[in-house]
Amino acid sequence: MQEAARRTRKAAAGTGRATITSSRRATKAEAGRTRGAMSKSGPRLPRLIAFDLDDTLWFPEMYLLIGGAPFRKDKQGRLISSGGEEVELYPAARACLKELATSPKYKDIKVVFASRCHETDWAYTCMDLLDVCDGVSVSQCLNEGGVFQGGSKQGHFAELKRRTGIEYEEMVFFDNERWNITEVKKLGVTCVHTPNGMQAGQFEKGLALYAEKWA
């Protein structure tokens, strides 16, 4: 069953069009909801948080792997490629994904990926197998799936907006590439540059910048 799902995903990615997976669909009521979400005990929160994958959530980047699939977990629970390379989450990436998945104050936020990764089947496998905490994978934390697409990431966000009904101004984005940040920021998205992958304090910085925008 899992292998069939992988083939289906890969076929969709091969069409050259943006693809997005979603466990929920935005309703008209959601689209018309008041901008942002006010935490009961804190500042306004975004309605959507997006992460790049390669060298933002994990390392190495998929294209740098000597070997890709099949991936396996060793006795220590590490994710290993067919070439013997370990694929790891940045510690701060694991921490913020865990927070988003388990803290009640974030339960209404849609969490997605926006990636130009060409090895989409490898990326899906890594999302399924990389654990954020016991019993919770990266795939489960990215509760609204995401977009694989080439070119400017403005296209990724146009697709995310179309599918979710959420305005750019209500989104936060994390990416390791400066030009992606520059392009997406033009849309009105709150952006955080992560040149060394997700590091301690950057998730909180993104939320603070977003709250300041609405203060």
Protein backbone atom coordinates (compact mmCIF):
# COMPACT_ATOMS: atom_id res chain seq x y z
CA MET A 1 0.00 0.00 0.00
CA GLN A 2 2.77 2.45 0.93
CA GLU A 3 4.71 1.70 -2.25
CA ALA A 4 1.60 2.31 -4.37
CA ALA A 5 1.12 5.65 -2.64
CA ARG A 6 4.73 6.57 -3.40
CA ARG A 7 4.23 5.84 -7.10
CA THR A 8 1.06 7.94 -7.15
CA ARG A 9 2.87 10.87 -5.54
CA LYS A 10 5.79 10.61 -7.94
CA ALA A 11 3.48 10.56 -10.95
CA ALA A 12 1.74 13.70 -9.74
CA ALA A 13 5.07 15.47 -9.25
CA GLY A 14 6.17 14.50 -12.75
CA THR A 15 3.41 16.49 -14.44
CA GLY A 16 5.44 19.69 -13.97
CA ARG A 17 2.51 21.37 -12.24
CA ALA A 18 2.40 22.45 -8.63
CA THR A 19 1.09 19.70 -6.39
CA ILE A 20 -0.35 20.06 -2.95
CA THR A 21 -1.49 17.45 -0.49
CA SER A 22 -4.00 18.31 2.16
CA SER A 23 -5.68 16.58 5.05
CA ARG A 24 -8.29 19.32 5.19
CA ARG A 25 -9.73 21.75 2.67
CA ALA A 26 -10.40 25.38 3.44
CA THR A 27 -14.09 26.22 3.53
CA LYS A 28 -15.69 29.51 2.55
CA ALA A 29 -16.20 30.17 6.22
CA GLU A 30 -12.48 29.77 6.88
CA ALA A 31 -11.58 32.00 3.96
CA GLY A 32 -13.80 34.73 5.33
CA ARG A 33 -12.52 34.41 8.87
CA THR A 34 -10.92 37.43 10.57
CA ARG A 35 -7.31 37.81 9.52
CA GLY A 36 -4.85 35.95 11.71
CA ALA A 37 -5.68 34.15 14.92
CA MET A 38 -5.43 35.66 18.37
CA SER A 39 -3.87 33.31 20.90
CA LYS A 40 -5.85 33.22 24.14
CA SER A 41 -2.70 34.03 26.08
CA GLY A 42 -0.55 35.93 23.62
CA PRO A 43 -0.13 37.88 20.40
CA ARG A 44 -1.76 37.31 17.05
CA LEU A 45 -0.68 34.10 15.30
CA PRO A 46 -0.42 33.38 11.56
CA ARG A 47 -2.98 31.18 9.85
CA LEU A 48 -0.34 29.37 7.79
CA ILE A 49 3.33 28.55 8.39
CA ALA A 50 5.46 27.27 5.49
CA PHE A 51 8.89 25.65 5.54
CA ASP A 52 11.38 24.92 2.81
CA LEU A 53 12.63 21.32 3.13
CA ASP A 54 16.25 20.93 1.93
CA ASP A 55 18.73 22.61 4.27
CA THR A 56 15.92 24.30 6.16
CA LEU A 57 14.21 21.42 7.96
CA TRP A 58 16.81 18.74 7.18
CA PHE A 59 20.27 18.10 5.79
CA PRO A 60 21.86 17.13 3.48
CA GLU A 61 19.83 18.36 0.52
CA MET A 62 18.34 15.51 -1.50
CA TYR A 63 20.40 16.30 -4.61
CA LEU A 64 23.62 15.94 -2.59
CA LEU A 65 22.92 12.33 -1.63
CA ILE A 66 25.16 9.79 -3.35
CA GLY A 67 22.43 7.22 -2.81
CA GLY A 68 18.74 7.85 -2.23
CA ALA A 69 16.01 5.26 -1.88
CA PRO A 70 15.55 2.83 -0.38
CA PHE A 71 15.94 4.62 2.95
CA ARG A 72 16.11 2.64 6.18
CA LYS A 73 16.33 3.25 9.89
CA ASP A 74 19.28 1.78 11.74
CA LYS A 75 19.25 0.39 15.29
CA GLN A 76 19.71 3.89 16.70
CA GLY A 77 16.69 5.17 14.77
CA ARG A 78 18.76 7.21 12.32
CA LEU A 79 17.50 7.58 8.74
CA ILE A 80 20.08 6.19 6.29
CA SER A 81 20.10 6.41 2.49
CA SER A 82 21.08 3.54 0.19
CA GLY A 83 24.49 5.22 -0.05
CA GLY A 84 24.98 5.07 3.72
CA GLU A 85 24.36 8.78 4.33
CA GLU A 86 22.31 9.98 7.27
CA VAL A 87 19.44 12.40 6.68
CA GLU A 88 18.83 14.48 9.81
CA LEU A 89 16.43 17.12 11.02
CA TYR A 90 18.03 20.25 12.37
CA PRO A 91 17.44 20.18 16.16
CA ALA A 92 15.61 23.51 16.08
CA ALA A 93 13.45 22.27 13.19
CA ARG A 94 12.47 19.23 15.24
CA ALA A 95 11.69 21.44 18.22
CA CYS A 96 9.43 23.86 16.35
CA LEU A 97 7.60 21.09 14.47
CA LYS A 98 6.97 19.33 17.77
CA GLU A 99 5.66 22.57 19.25
CA LEU A 100 3.34 23.12 16.29
CA ALA A 101 2.06 19.54 16.47
CA THR A 102 1.51 19.30 20.21
CA SER A 103 0.74 22.76 21.62
CA PRO A 104 -3.00 23.58 21.74
CA LYS A 105 -2.33 27.24 20.94
CA TYR A 106 -1.18 26.27 17.43
CA LYS A 107 -4.00 23.85 16.63
CA ASP A 108 -5.68 26.16 14.09
CA ILE A 109 -2.50 26.91 12.10
CA LYS A 110 -2.01 25.19 8.77
CA VAL A 111 1.59 23.92 8.47
CA VAL A 112 2.99 23.24 4.98
CA PHE A 113 6.15 22.85 2.93
CA ALA A 114 7.19 24.90 -0.12
CA SER A 115 10.03 23.14 -1.94
CA ARG A 116 11.86 23.01 -5.26
CA CYS A 117 13.24 19.53 -4.48
CA HIS A 118 13.35 17.43 -7.67
CA GLU A 119 13.57 14.12 -5.80
CA THR A 120 10.00 14.33 -4.59
CA ASP A 121 9.61 10.62 -3.85
CA TRP A 122 12.73 10.71 -1.67
CA ALA A 123 11.44 13.80 0.12
CA TYR A 124 8.07 12.20 0.83
CA THR A 125 9.81 9.11 2.21
CA CYS A 126 12.00 11.25 4.46
CA MET A 127 8.96 13.15 5.71
CA ASP A 128 7.28 9.84 6.53
CA LEU A 129 10.30 8.31 8.29
CA LEU A 130 11.86 11.25 10.14
CA ASP A 131 10.43 11.42 13.65
CA VAL A 132 9.77 14.69 15.44
CA CYS A 133 8.82 12.94 18.67
CA ASP A 134 7.53 9.50 19.63
CA GLY A 135 4.85 8.43 17.17
CA VAL A 136 4.84 11.73 15.25
CA SER A 137 6.53 12.08 11.85
CA VAL A 138 7.40 15.19 9.86
CA SER A 139 4.53 14.30 7.49
CA GLN A 140 2.08 14.44 10.37
CA CYS A 141 3.42 17.81 11.52
CA LEU A 142 3.02 19.25 8.01
CA ASN A 143 -0.72 18.90 8.44
CA GLU A 144 -1.65 20.59 5.16
CA GLY A 145 0.91 18.88 2.92
CA GLY A 146 2.63 21.34 0.61
CA VAL A 147 3.86 22.28 -2.83
CA PHE A 148 6.66 20.87 -4.99
CA GLN A 149 7.33 23.21 -7.90
CA GLY A 150 10.24 24.66 -9.87
CA GLY A 151 10.99 28.33 -10.43
CA SER A 152 10.29 31.29 -8.17
CA LYS A 153 8.67 30.45 -4.87
CA GLN A 154 6.11 33.13 -5.56
CA GLY A 155 4.46 30.37 -7.59
CA HIS A 156 4.43 28.05 -4.59
CA PHE A 157 2.66 30.66 -2.50
CA ALA A 158 0.18 31.51 -5.22
CA GLU A 159 -0.78 27.83 -5.18
CA LEU A 160 -0.98 27.73 -1.39
CA LYS A 161 -3.19 30.81 -1.37
CA ARG A 162 -5.43 29.32 -4.05
CA ARG A 163 -5.85 26.04 -2.23
CA THR A 164 -6.28 27.36 1.31
CA GLY A 165 -7.96 30.73 0.78
CA ILE A 166 -5.44 32.28 3.18
CA GLU A 167 -4.03 35.70 2.31
CA TYR A 168 -0.28 36.19 1.93
CA GLU A 169 -0.29 38.66 4.83
CA GLU A 170 -1.48 35.83 7.11
CA MET A 171 1.48 33.54 6.32
CA VAL A 172 4.99 33.02 7.72
CA PHE A 173 7.79 31.40 5.68
CA PHE A 174 11.20 29.94 6.60
CA ASP A 175 13.86 29.29 3.92
CA ASN A 176 17.65 28.98 3.75
CA GLU A 177 17.99 30.75 0.38
CA ARG A 178 18.09 34.56 0.43
CA TRP A 179 16.55 34.98 -3.04
CA ASN A 180 13.55 32.87 -2.04
CA ILE A 181 13.02 35.11 0.97
CA THR A 182 13.33 38.24 -1.19
CA GLU A 183 10.81 36.98 -3.75
CA VAL A 184 8.21 35.73 -1.27
CA LYS A 185 8.49 38.81 0.94
CA LYS A 186 7.28 40.93 -2.00
CA LEU A 187 3.92 39.15 -1.73
CA GLY A 188 3.41 40.33 1.85
CA VAL A 189 4.42 37.06 3.54
CA THR A 190 6.39 37.41 6.79
CA CYS A 191 9.74 35.74 6.00
CA VAL A 192 12.71 34.49 8.03
CA HIS A 193 16.05 33.69 6.38
CA THR A 194 17.64 30.49 7.76
CA PRO A 195 21.05 30.33 6.01
CA ASN A 196 22.28 27.53 8.28
CA GLY A 197 19.01 25.65 8.48
CA MET A 198 16.50 26.20 11.28
CA GLN A 199 18.38 27.43 14.34
CA ALA A 200 17.31 28.17 17.90
CA GLY A 201 15.17 31.29 18.16
CA GLN A 202 14.27 31.58 14.48
CA PHE A 203 10.80 30.08 14.85
CA GLU A 204 10.07 32.51 17.67
CA LYS A 205 11.51 35.34 15.55
CA GLY A 206 9.05 34.55 12.76
CA LEU A 207 6.09 34.62 15.11
CA ALA A 208 7.30 37.87 16.69
CA LEU A 209 7.74 39.57 13.30
CA TYR A 210 4.25 38.48 12.32
CA ALA A 211 2.72 39.78 15.55
CA GLU A 212 4.54 43.11 15.16
CA LYS A 213 3.08 43.52 11.69
CA TRP A 214 -0.43 43.36 13.13
CA ALA A 215 0.24 45.33 16.32
